[in-house]
N, C-alpha and C. Protein backbone atom coordinates (compact mmCIF):
# COMPACT_ATOMS: atom_id res chain seq x y z
N LYS A 1 1.02 -1.10 -0.06
CA LYS A 1 -0.10 -0.29 -0.04
C LYS A 1 0.73 1.24 -0.17
N PHE A 2 0.76 2.27 -0.87
CA PHE A 2 1.40 3.30 -0.93
C PHE A 2 1.10 4.10 -0.07
N ILE A 3 2.31 4.87 0.71
CA ILE A 3 2.08 5.81 1.98
C ILE A 3 2.43 7.01 1.39
N ASN A 4 4.04 7.09 0.99
CA ASN A 4 4.26 8.24 0.31
C ASN A 4 5.52 7.90 -0.64
N PRO A 5 6.13 8.88 -1.44
CA PRO A 5 7.24 8.80 -2.34
C PRO A 5 8.51 8.14 -1.22
N ARG A 6 8.53 8.78 -0.15
CA ARG A 6 10.02 8.28 0.89
C ARG A 6 9.61 7.27 1.89
N ALA A 7 8.36 6.74 2.15
CA ALA A 7 8.48 5.64 2.82
C ALA A 7 8.64 4.08 1.95
N THR A 8 10.07 3.21 2.89
CA THR A 8 10.07 2.35 2.41
C THR A 8 9.11 0.98 2.47
N LEU A 9 8.88 0.45 1.39
CA LEU A 9 7.90 -0.73 1.29
C LEU A 9 8.58 -1.75 0.42
N VAL A 10 7.64 -3.03 1.19
CA VAL A 10 7.84 -4.26 0.21
C VAL A 10 6.99 -4.14 -0.92
N HIS A 11 7.85 -4.58 -1.96
CA HIS A 11 7.44 -4.50 -3.33
C HIS A 11 7.60 -6.04 -3.72
N HIS A 12 6.36 -6.33 -4.63
CA HIS A 12 6.05 -7.77 -5.02
C HIS A 12 6.13 -7.68 -6.44
N CYS A 13 7.42 -8.64 -7.13
CA CYS A 13 7.10 -8.85 -8.80
C CYS A 13 6.25 -9.84 -8.85
N SER A 14 5.34 -9.25 -9.91
CA SER A 14 4.21 -10.55 -10.38
C SER A 14 4.88 -11.67 -11.36
N GLU A 15 5.75 -11.01 -11.83
CA GLU A 15 6.37 -12.23 -12.88
C GLU A 15 7.38 -13.39 -12.20
N CYS A 16 8.37 -12.79 -11.58
CA CYS A 16 9.29 -13.62 -11.12
C CYS A 16 8.98 -13.85 -9.56
N HIS A 17 8.24 -13.03 -8.79
CA HIS A 17 7.75 -13.71 -7.38
C HIS A 17 8.67 -12.91 -6.15
N LYS A 18 9.45 -12.23 -6.83
CA LYS A 18 10.69 -12.13 -5.64
C LYS A 18 9.90 -10.68 -5.03
N GLU A 19 10.25 -10.55 -3.47
CA GLU A 19 10.25 -9.36 -2.82
C GLU A 19 10.99 -8.68 -2.17
N TRP A 20 11.01 -7.16 -2.22
CA TRP A 20 12.45 -6.67 -1.90
C TRP A 20 11.91 -5.13 -1.43
N TYR A 21 12.67 -4.53 -0.68
CA TYR A 21 12.50 -3.73 -0.05
C TYR A 21 13.12 -2.21 -0.76
N ALA A 22 12.45 -1.21 -1.03
CA ALA A 22 12.97 0.05 -1.74
C ALA A 22 11.73 1.11 -1.47
N ARG A 23 12.07 1.99 -1.89
CA ARG A 23 10.98 3.56 -1.61
C ARG A 23 10.63 3.59 -3.35
N PRO A 24 9.14 3.72 -3.25
CA PRO A 24 8.93 4.24 -4.90
C PRO A 24 9.76 5.09 -5.47
N MET A 25 10.03 6.18 -4.88
CA MET A 25 10.87 6.82 -5.78
C MET A 25 12.22 6.44 -6.35
N TRP A 26 12.39 5.62 -5.45
CA TRP A 26 13.89 4.92 -5.64
C TRP A 26 14.03 4.18 -7.09
N LEU A 27 12.91 3.36 -7.00
CA LEU A 27 12.54 2.50 -8.18
C LEU A 27 12.15 3.25 -9.54
N LEU A 28 11.88 4.49 -9.47
CA LEU A 28 11.49 5.50 -10.44
C LEU A 28 12.64 6.46 -10.85
N THR A 29 13.46 6.80 -10.04
CA THR A 29 14.56 7.45 -10.30
C THR A 29 15.75 6.89 -10.23
N LYS A 30 16.12 5.86 -9.77
CA LYS A 30 17.58 5.42 -9.58
C LYS A 30 17.69 4.32 -10.01
N GLU A 31 18.72 4.36 -10.91
CA GLU A 31 18.91 3.18 -11.81
C GLU A 31 19.19 1.96 -11.07
N ASN A 32 20.48 2.14 -9.93
CA ASN A 32 20.65 0.99 -9.66
C ASN A 32 19.46 0.15 -8.82
N GLN A 33 18.46 1.09 -8.41
CA GLN A 33 17.18 0.59 -7.65
C GLN A 33 16.36 -0.09 -8.36
N LYS A 34 16.20 -0.11 -10.16
CA LYS A 34 15.40 -0.94 -10.57
C LYS A 34 15.19 -2.32 -10.57
N HIS A 35 14.10 -2.81 -10.31
CA HIS A 35 14.29 -4.42 -10.14
C HIS A 35 14.31 -5.14 -11.67
N VAL A 36 15.28 -6.16 -11.91
CA VAL A 36 15.62 -6.70 -12.95
C VAL A 36 15.22 -8.32 -13.17
N CYS A 37 13.64 -8.99 -13.44
CA CYS A 37 13.64 -10.08 -13.20
C CYS A 37 14.70 -11.11 -14.06
N GLY A 38 14.94 -12.18 -12.87
CA GLY A 38 15.93 -13.21 -13.04
C GLY A 38 17.44 -12.82 -12.33
N LEU A 39 17.36 -11.67 -11.88
CA LEU A 39 18.79 -11.11 -11.58
C LEU A 39 18.49 -11.39 -9.60
N ASP A 40 19.61 -12.20 -8.74
CA ASP A 40 19.45 -12.42 -7.83
C ASP A 40 19.79 -11.23 -6.79
N PRO A 41 19.07 -10.64 -6.32
CA PRO A 41 19.55 -9.21 -5.39
C PRO A 41 20.70 -9.45 -4.28
N VAL A 42 20.80 -11.00 -3.71
CA VAL A 42 21.67 -11.65 -2.68
C VAL A 42 22.73 -11.28 -3.60
N ARG A 43 22.82 -11.92 -4.46
CA ARG A 43 24.10 -12.33 -5.69
C ARG A 43 24.90 -10.89 -5.94
N MET A 44 23.55 -9.80 -6.21
CA MET A 44 24.00 -8.49 -6.45
C MET A 44 24.91 -7.89 -5.52
N SER A 45 24.75 -8.17 -3.83
CA SER A 45 25.21 -7.27 -3.23
C SER A 45 26.25 -8.10 -2.49
N GLU A 46 27.04 -9.28 -2.88
CA GLU A 46 28.05 -9.67 -2.75
C GLU A 46 29.43 -9.23 -2.80
N GLY A 47 30.21 -8.91 -2.43
CA GLY A 47 31.56 -8.49 -2.25
C GLY A 47 32.05 -8.61 -4.29
N THR A 48 33.09 -7.71 -4.41
CA THR A 48 33.85 -7.37 -5.21
C THR A 48 34.59 -8.88 -5.81
N LYS A 49 34.67 -9.83 -4.99
CA LYS A 49 35.63 -11.04 -5.83
C LYS A 49 34.91 -11.80 -6.49
N LYS A 50 35.37 -12.08 -7.80
CA LYS A 50 34.97 -12.93 -8.39
C LYS A 50 35.65 -14.38 -8.72
N LYS A 51 35.10 -15.43 -9.17
CA LYS A 51 35.22 -16.48 -9.07
C LYS A 51 35.81 -16.72 -10.70
N ASN A 52 36.67 -17.47 -10.90
CA ASN A 52 37.29 -18.01 -11.82
C ASN A 52 36.79 -19.04 -12.37
N ARG A 53 35.75 -18.99 -13.63
CA ARG A 53 35.01 -20.27 -14.38
C ARG A 53 34.74 -19.90 -15.53
N THR A 54 34.23 -20.96 -16.41
CA THR A 54 33.83 -20.41 -17.49
C THR A 54 32.99 -20.28 -17.73
N LEU A 55 32.27 -19.84 -18.97
CA LEU A 55 30.54 -19.28 -18.92
C LEU A 55 30.46 -20.46 -19.94
N THR A 56 29.16 -21.25 -19.52
CA THR A 56 28.41 -22.26 -20.27
C THR A 56 27.50 -21.23 -21.48
N GLU A 57 27.08 -22.08 -22.37
CA GLU A 57 26.40 -21.38 -23.40
C GLU A 57 24.90 -20.93 -22.38
N MET A 58 24.31 -21.13 -21.48
CA MET A 58 23.09 -20.31 -20.77
C MET A 58 23.92 -19.41 -20.07
N ASP A 59 25.02 -19.31 -20.14
CA ASP A 59 25.80 -18.20 -19.15
C ASP A 59 25.83 -16.74 -19.93
N GLN A 60 26.38 -17.48 -21.25
CA GLN A 60 26.55 -16.46 -22.58
C GLN A 60 25.14 -16.27 -22.95
N ILE A 61 23.78 -17.07 -22.79
CA ILE A 61 22.74 -16.20 -23.27
C ILE A 61 22.13 -15.11 -22.26
N LYS A 62 22.42 -15.66 -21.40
CA LYS A 62 21.50 -14.57 -20.21
C LYS A 62 22.69 -13.09 -20.46
N LEU A 63 24.02 -13.07 -20.21
CA LEU A 63 25.15 -12.48 -20.27
C LEU A 63 24.14 -11.26 -21.62
N TYR A 64 24.16 -11.90 -23.07
CA TYR A 64 23.42 -11.04 -23.95
C TYR A 64 22.45 -10.58 -23.71
N ASP A 65 21.23 -11.28 -23.35
CA ASP A 65 19.89 -10.80 -22.67
C ASP A 65 20.15 -9.58 -21.82
N MET A 66 20.87 -9.54 -20.65
CA MET A 66 21.11 -8.72 -19.60
C MET A 66 21.65 -7.30 -20.53
N ALA A 67 22.38 -7.32 -21.51
CA ALA A 67 23.09 -6.36 -22.17
C ALA A 67 22.19 -5.66 -22.65
N GLU A 68 21.43 -6.46 -23.76
CA GLU A 68 20.23 -5.91 -24.02
C GLU A 68 19.05 -5.31 -23.66
N LYS A 69 19.02 -5.68 -22.37
CA LYS A 69 18.09 -4.67 -21.27
C LYS A 69 18.59 -3.62 -20.89
N GLY A 70 19.86 -3.34 -21.21
CA GLY A 70 20.87 -2.17 -20.80
C GLY A 70 21.37 -2.26 -19.51
N ILE A 71 21.38 -3.40 -19.08
CA ILE A 71 22.32 -3.60 -17.66
C ILE A 71 23.74 -3.50 -17.52
N SER A 72 24.30 -2.67 -16.59
CA SER A 72 25.48 -2.53 -16.74
C SER A 72 26.49 -3.62 -16.87
N GLN A 73 27.80 -3.49 -17.03
CA GLN A 73 28.90 -4.57 -17.19
C GLN A 73 29.03 -5.12 -16.28
N SER A 74 29.07 -3.86 -14.95
CA SER A 74 29.76 -4.61 -13.70
C SER A 74 28.58 -5.45 -12.83
N LYS A 75 27.13 -4.69 -13.36
CA LYS A 75 26.08 -5.47 -12.60
C LYS A 75 25.96 -6.54 -13.16
N ILE A 76 26.44 -7.29 -14.23
CA ILE A 76 26.23 -8.51 -15.27
C ILE A 76 27.50 -9.06 -14.57
N ALA A 77 28.45 -8.92 -14.56
CA ALA A 77 29.44 -9.62 -13.66
C ALA A 77 29.41 -9.85 -12.37
N THR A 78 28.46 -9.25 -11.48
CA THR A 78 28.36 -9.27 -10.13
C THR A 78 27.02 -10.72 -10.18
N ALA A 79 26.61 -10.65 -11.23
CA ALA A 79 25.31 -11.67 -11.03
C ALA A 79 25.76 -12.80 -11.75
N LEU A 80 26.47 -12.99 -12.62
CA LEU A 80 26.81 -13.90 -13.11
C LEU A 80 28.33 -14.91 -12.13
N GLY A 81 29.16 -13.93 -11.51
CA GLY A 81 29.92 -14.36 -10.80
C GLY A 81 31.57 -14.62 -11.81
N ILE A 82 31.54 -13.44 -12.66
CA ILE A 82 32.59 -13.40 -13.72
C ILE A 82 33.37 -12.02 -13.36
N SER A 83 34.35 -11.66 -14.22
CA SER A 83 35.03 -10.42 -14.02
C SER A 83 34.44 -9.58 -14.91
N LYS A 84 34.67 -8.22 -14.69
CA LYS A 84 33.77 -7.39 -15.68
C LYS A 84 34.77 -7.35 -17.34
N SER A 85 36.06 -7.39 -17.11
CA SER A 85 36.53 -8.05 -18.28
C SER A 85 36.23 -8.91 -19.50
N THR A 86 35.66 -10.20 -18.03
CA THR A 86 35.31 -11.24 -18.99
C THR A 86 33.65 -10.84 -19.76
N VAL A 87 32.93 -10.16 -19.05
CA VAL A 87 31.86 -9.53 -19.64
C VAL A 87 32.29 -8.66 -20.94
N SER A 88 32.91 -7.90 -21.02
CA SER A 88 33.75 -7.02 -22.17
C SER A 88 34.21 -7.95 -23.06
N LYS A 89 34.69 -8.68 -22.88
CA LYS A 89 35.55 -9.81 -23.94
C LYS A 89 33.88 -10.38 -24.55
N TYR A 90 33.01 -11.06 -23.92
CA TYR A 90 32.09 -11.50 -24.87
C TYR A 90 31.10 -10.77 -25.52
N LEU A 91 30.73 -9.59 -24.97
CA LEU A 91 30.12 -8.59 -25.42
C LEU A 91 30.92 -7.97 -26.88
N LYS A 92 32.06 -8.21 -26.56
CA LYS A 92 33.12 -7.71 -28.08
C LYS A 92 32.74 -8.70 -28.97
N GLN A 93 33.00 -9.86 -28.62
CA GLN A 93 32.54 -11.31 -29.56
C GLN A 93 31.14 -11.27 -30.16
N MET A 94 30.38 -10.77 -29.07
CA MET A 94 28.91 -10.86 -29.79
C MET A 94 28.61 -9.34 -31.01
N GLU A 95 29.50 -8.20 -30.62
CA GLU A 95 29.17 -7.18 -31.92
C GLU A 95 30.06 -7.29 -32.93
N GLU A 96 31.12 -8.21 -32.91
CA GLU A 96 32.03 -8.44 -34.12
C GLU A 96 31.03 -9.41 -34.78
N SER A 97 30.56 -10.47 -34.41
CA SER A 97 29.89 -11.28 -35.07
C SER A 97 28.52 -11.11 -35.56
N ARG A 98 28.06 -10.20 -35.31
CA ARG A 98 26.84 -9.70 -35.79
C ARG A 98 26.88 -8.99 -36.86
N VAL A 99 26.04 -9.70 -38.17
CA VAL A 99 25.96 -9.43 -39.53
C VAL A 99 25.37 -7.85 -39.53
N LEU A 100 25.91 -7.14 -40.32
CA LEU A 100 25.35 -5.78 -40.65
C LEU A 100 24.72 -5.72 -42.32
N ILE A 101 23.43 -5.65 -42.40
CA ILE A 101 22.70 -5.73 -43.32
C ILE A 101 22.43 -4.56 -44.01
């Protein structure tokens, strides 16, 4: 229930069924507060230490989908547990492999 724009409320996503606390104005105005379905907010808030692992094809598809949605490279790296340079490398490969019509 809406109280005012500065009250912290529980929000519920009808698509992914996640619940989180945020202020209504934050969801509208702050880029880092917007909800993106499929991203685990717990993993997003973990430290900056990345795991050394190879990306599976599913991870690559998630990476490309998240990039198409306009999510920053650092948030993609955090969500997938990889380094930002790895994200840059795969996005660069994606751009090079596109066929220009």
